[in-house]
Amino acid sequence: MKLAVMAVTSLFLLGLVSVSQVTPPSSSGQNPNYSGMYTFLQEGEFVQVTVEDGGRVTGFISRYGDGESDRGAFLDQFFKDGKLEGAHLSFTTKTVHGVWFKFEGTASRGPAKTPDDEGFFTLTGTLTESREDVNKKASSKTREVTFKSFPKDINPSSNEQD
C-alpha cells in the first residue's frame, strides 16, 4: 500500500514539474520584453522600440526622406506617445518635414527560433502615414504591416579565438 501511495505521489509531482516546464513565461503575468530594433518599410529603415515600466513605450523610426527637400536623407522620427497594454502596441511619431506615423497593432512572438535570428518578435498591425502639403492640408495612407525584430547582438568576445 505504501508503495502505491509513493508511486501515485511521484507521478503527481512529475506531472507538476512537466507542466511548469512547458508553461510559457507570459502566463506568469509578465510579458516578454519586446524592446529592440525592428524592420520598417524599406531596406535600411528601422523602428526602435523601448518598453518601459508601466507599459509606456518610447522610441523612434529611422527612415529615408521621400519629399522634395529631404529625398534620400536619413530622418529620425521620435515617438510622441506610445503604450503597450498586454500585447496591444500603439505609438504615434512626432511630425518631421510634414510627415508623421501612427501604429496600432500587436507585439508577439515571431517565427524565428532564437533571439539571434531576425523575426524572433513581430509587430503586426495597421500603419497610418499622414502628411501635410504646403497648404497645410493633411492626407493619410493606411496599410497592414509586419515588422520583424532584428537579431540580438552576439557578444563579439565570445567569437574570438585564442
Protein backbone atom coordinates (compact mmCIF):
# COMPACT_ATOMS: atom_id res chain seq x y z
CA MET A 1 0.00 0.00 0.00
CA LYS A 2 2.82 2.42 0.88
CA LEU A 3 4.43 1.63 -2.47
CA ALA A 4 1.21 2.51 -4.33
CA VAL A 5 0.87 5.83 -2.47
CA MET A 6 4.52 6.68 -3.20
CA ALA A 7 4.06 5.81 -6.89
CA VAL A 8 0.94 7.99 -7.20
CA THR A 9 2.65 10.86 -5.34
CA SER A 10 5.72 10.57 -7.59
CA LEU A 11 3.59 10.63 -10.74
CA PHE A 12 1.71 13.66 -9.41
CA LEU A 13 4.94 15.55 -8.66
CA LEU A 14 6.42 14.53 -12.02
CA GLY A 15 3.29 15.92 -13.70
CA LEU A 16 3.66 19.23 -11.86
CA VAL A 17 7.30 19.54 -12.90
CA SER A 18 6.42 18.76 -16.53
CA VAL A 19 3.61 21.31 -16.61
CA SER A 20 5.82 24.03 -15.09
CA GLN A 21 8.48 23.42 -17.74
CA VAL A 22 6.10 23.92 -20.69
CA THR A 23 4.19 26.91 -19.30
CA PRO A 24 5.18 29.99 -21.30
CA PRO A 25 6.71 32.89 -19.36
CA SER A 26 3.84 35.22 -20.30
CA SER A 27 1.34 33.13 -18.33
CA SER A 28 3.04 34.23 -15.11
CA GLY A 29 1.73 37.75 -15.68
CA GLN A 30 4.96 39.02 -17.22
CA ASN A 31 5.06 39.99 -20.88
CA PRO A 32 8.08 39.23 -22.99
CA ASN A 33 10.41 42.19 -23.41
CA TYR A 34 9.54 43.49 -26.88
CA SER A 35 12.17 46.26 -26.65
CA GLY A 36 14.55 46.32 -29.60
CA MET A 37 15.00 47.22 -33.24
CA TYR A 38 12.52 46.16 -35.91
CA THR A 39 12.42 46.38 -39.68
CA PHE A 40 10.45 49.25 -41.19
CA LEU A 41 9.11 49.90 -44.68
CA GLN A 42 12.31 49.75 -46.77
CA GLU A 43 15.67 48.03 -46.54
CA GLY A 44 17.88 50.11 -44.22
CA GLU A 45 14.98 51.66 -42.30
CA PHE A 46 14.06 50.59 -38.77
CA VAL A 47 11.89 51.17 -35.71
CA GLN A 48 13.49 51.31 -32.24
CA VAL A 49 11.01 50.32 -29.51
CA THR A 50 11.71 50.60 -25.78
CA VAL A 51 9.07 49.25 -23.40
CA GLU A 52 9.35 50.92 -20.00
CA ASP A 53 7.75 50.01 -16.67
CA GLY A 54 4.01 50.54 -16.69
CA GLY A 55 3.68 49.86 -20.41
CA ARG A 56 4.95 53.24 -21.57
CA VAL A 57 6.67 52.91 -24.95
CA THR A 58 9.36 55.23 -26.25
CA GLY A 59 11.37 55.02 -29.44
CA PHE A 60 11.76 56.32 -32.94
CA ILE A 61 11.57 55.48 -36.63
CA SER A 62 14.69 55.96 -38.76
CA ARG A 63 13.71 56.24 -42.40
CA TYR A 64 14.70 57.74 -45.71
CA GLY A 65 13.03 61.02 -46.58
CA ASP A 66 10.86 60.97 -49.69
CA GLY A 67 9.89 64.61 -50.02
CA GLU A 68 11.39 67.10 -52.45
CA SER A 69 13.61 68.70 -49.81
CA ASP A 70 14.70 65.53 -47.98
CA ARG A 71 14.71 62.76 -50.62
CA GLY A 72 17.25 60.12 -49.59
CA ALA A 73 18.21 61.86 -46.33
CA PHE A 74 18.05 59.71 -43.20
CA LEU A 75 15.36 61.06 -40.82
CA ASP A 76 14.67 60.12 -37.19
CA GLN A 77 11.07 60.49 -36.02
CA PHE A 78 10.72 60.12 -32.27
CA PHE A 79 7.56 58.80 -30.65
CA LYS A 80 5.22 61.48 -29.36
CA ASP A 81 3.37 58.83 -27.37
CA GLY A 82 3.26 55.07 -27.13
CA LYS A 83 1.96 52.27 -24.95
CA LEU A 84 1.86 48.52 -24.58
CA GLU A 85 -1.21 47.04 -22.89
CA GLY A 86 -0.93 43.26 -22.83
CA ALA A 87 0.03 42.50 -26.41
CA HIS A 88 -1.60 45.65 -27.89
CA LEU A 89 1.03 48.15 -29.03
CA SER A 90 0.39 51.67 -30.25
CA PHE A 91 2.55 54.66 -30.98
CA THR A 92 2.44 57.97 -32.82
CA THR A 93 5.53 59.81 -34.04
CA LYS A 94 6.26 63.50 -33.96
CA THR A 95 5.93 65.31 -37.27
CA VAL A 96 9.12 65.67 -39.33
CA HIS A 97 9.02 67.56 -42.64
CA GLY A 98 5.22 67.34 -42.64
CA VAL A 99 5.07 63.55 -42.14
CA TRP A 100 4.01 61.50 -39.10
CA PHE A 101 3.14 57.85 -38.46
CA LYS A 102 0.63 56.06 -36.24
CA PHE A 103 0.86 52.33 -35.48
CA GLU A 104 -1.92 50.22 -33.92
CA GLY A 105 -1.37 46.51 -33.56
CA THR A 106 0.10 43.68 -31.56
CA ALA A 107 3.51 42.62 -30.39
CA SER A 108 4.02 38.87 -30.45
CA ARG A 109 6.48 36.02 -30.66
CA GLY A 110 7.53 35.56 -34.28
CA PRO A 111 8.60 32.52 -36.30
CA ALA A 112 12.34 32.72 -35.61
CA LYS A 113 13.75 30.07 -33.27
CA THR A 114 16.14 32.23 -31.20
CA PRO A 115 16.63 35.94 -30.40
CA ASP A 116 19.76 35.74 -32.56
CA ASP A 117 17.53 35.35 -35.65
CA GLU A 118 15.51 38.04 -37.43
CA GLY A 119 11.83 37.86 -36.55
CA PHE A 120 12.01 36.41 -33.03
CA PHE A 121 9.37 39.06 -32.19
CA THR A 122 6.99 40.78 -34.60
CA LEU A 123 4.89 43.93 -34.57
CA THR A 124 1.79 43.36 -36.71
CA GLY A 125 -0.95 45.88 -37.34
CA THR A 126 -2.03 48.99 -39.17
CA LEU A 127 0.41 51.77 -40.02
CA THR A 128 -1.08 55.12 -40.97
CA GLU A 129 1.26 57.55 -42.73
CA SER A 130 -0.01 61.13 -42.68
CA ARG A 131 1.45 64.12 -44.44
CA GLU A 132 0.71 67.80 -44.78
CA ASP A 133 1.13 69.57 -48.09
CA VAL A 134 2.36 73.15 -48.50
CA ASN A 135 -1.21 74.40 -47.93
CA LYS A 136 -1.35 72.54 -44.58
CA LYS A 137 -3.88 70.05 -45.99
CA ALA A 138 -3.39 66.59 -44.43
CA SER A 139 -3.78 63.29 -46.24
CA SER A 140 -3.32 59.76 -44.93
CA LYS A 141 -2.38 56.37 -46.30
CA THR A 142 -3.07 53.21 -44.28
CA ARG A 143 -1.51 49.78 -44.79
CA GLU A 144 -1.19 46.48 -42.97
CA VAL A 145 2.40 45.80 -41.88
CA THR A 146 4.55 43.27 -40.06
CA PHE A 147 7.84 44.50 -38.63
CA LYS A 148 10.37 41.83 -37.63
CA SER A 149 12.83 42.17 -34.76
CA PHE A 150 16.50 42.43 -35.70
CA PRO A 151 18.79 39.69 -34.39
CA LYS A 152 20.07 40.41 -30.89
CA ASP A 153 23.75 41.34 -30.69
CA ILE A 154 26.10 38.49 -30.02
CA ASN A 155 28.98 39.29 -27.67
CA PRO A 156 31.96 39.77 -30.04
CA SER A 157 34.39 38.44 -27.42
CA SER A 158 32.60 35.09 -27.47
CA ASN A 159 33.54 34.68 -31.15
CA GLU A 160 37.22 35.42 -30.67
CA GLN A 161 39.69 32.58 -30.84
CA ASP A 162 42.75 32.42 -28.58
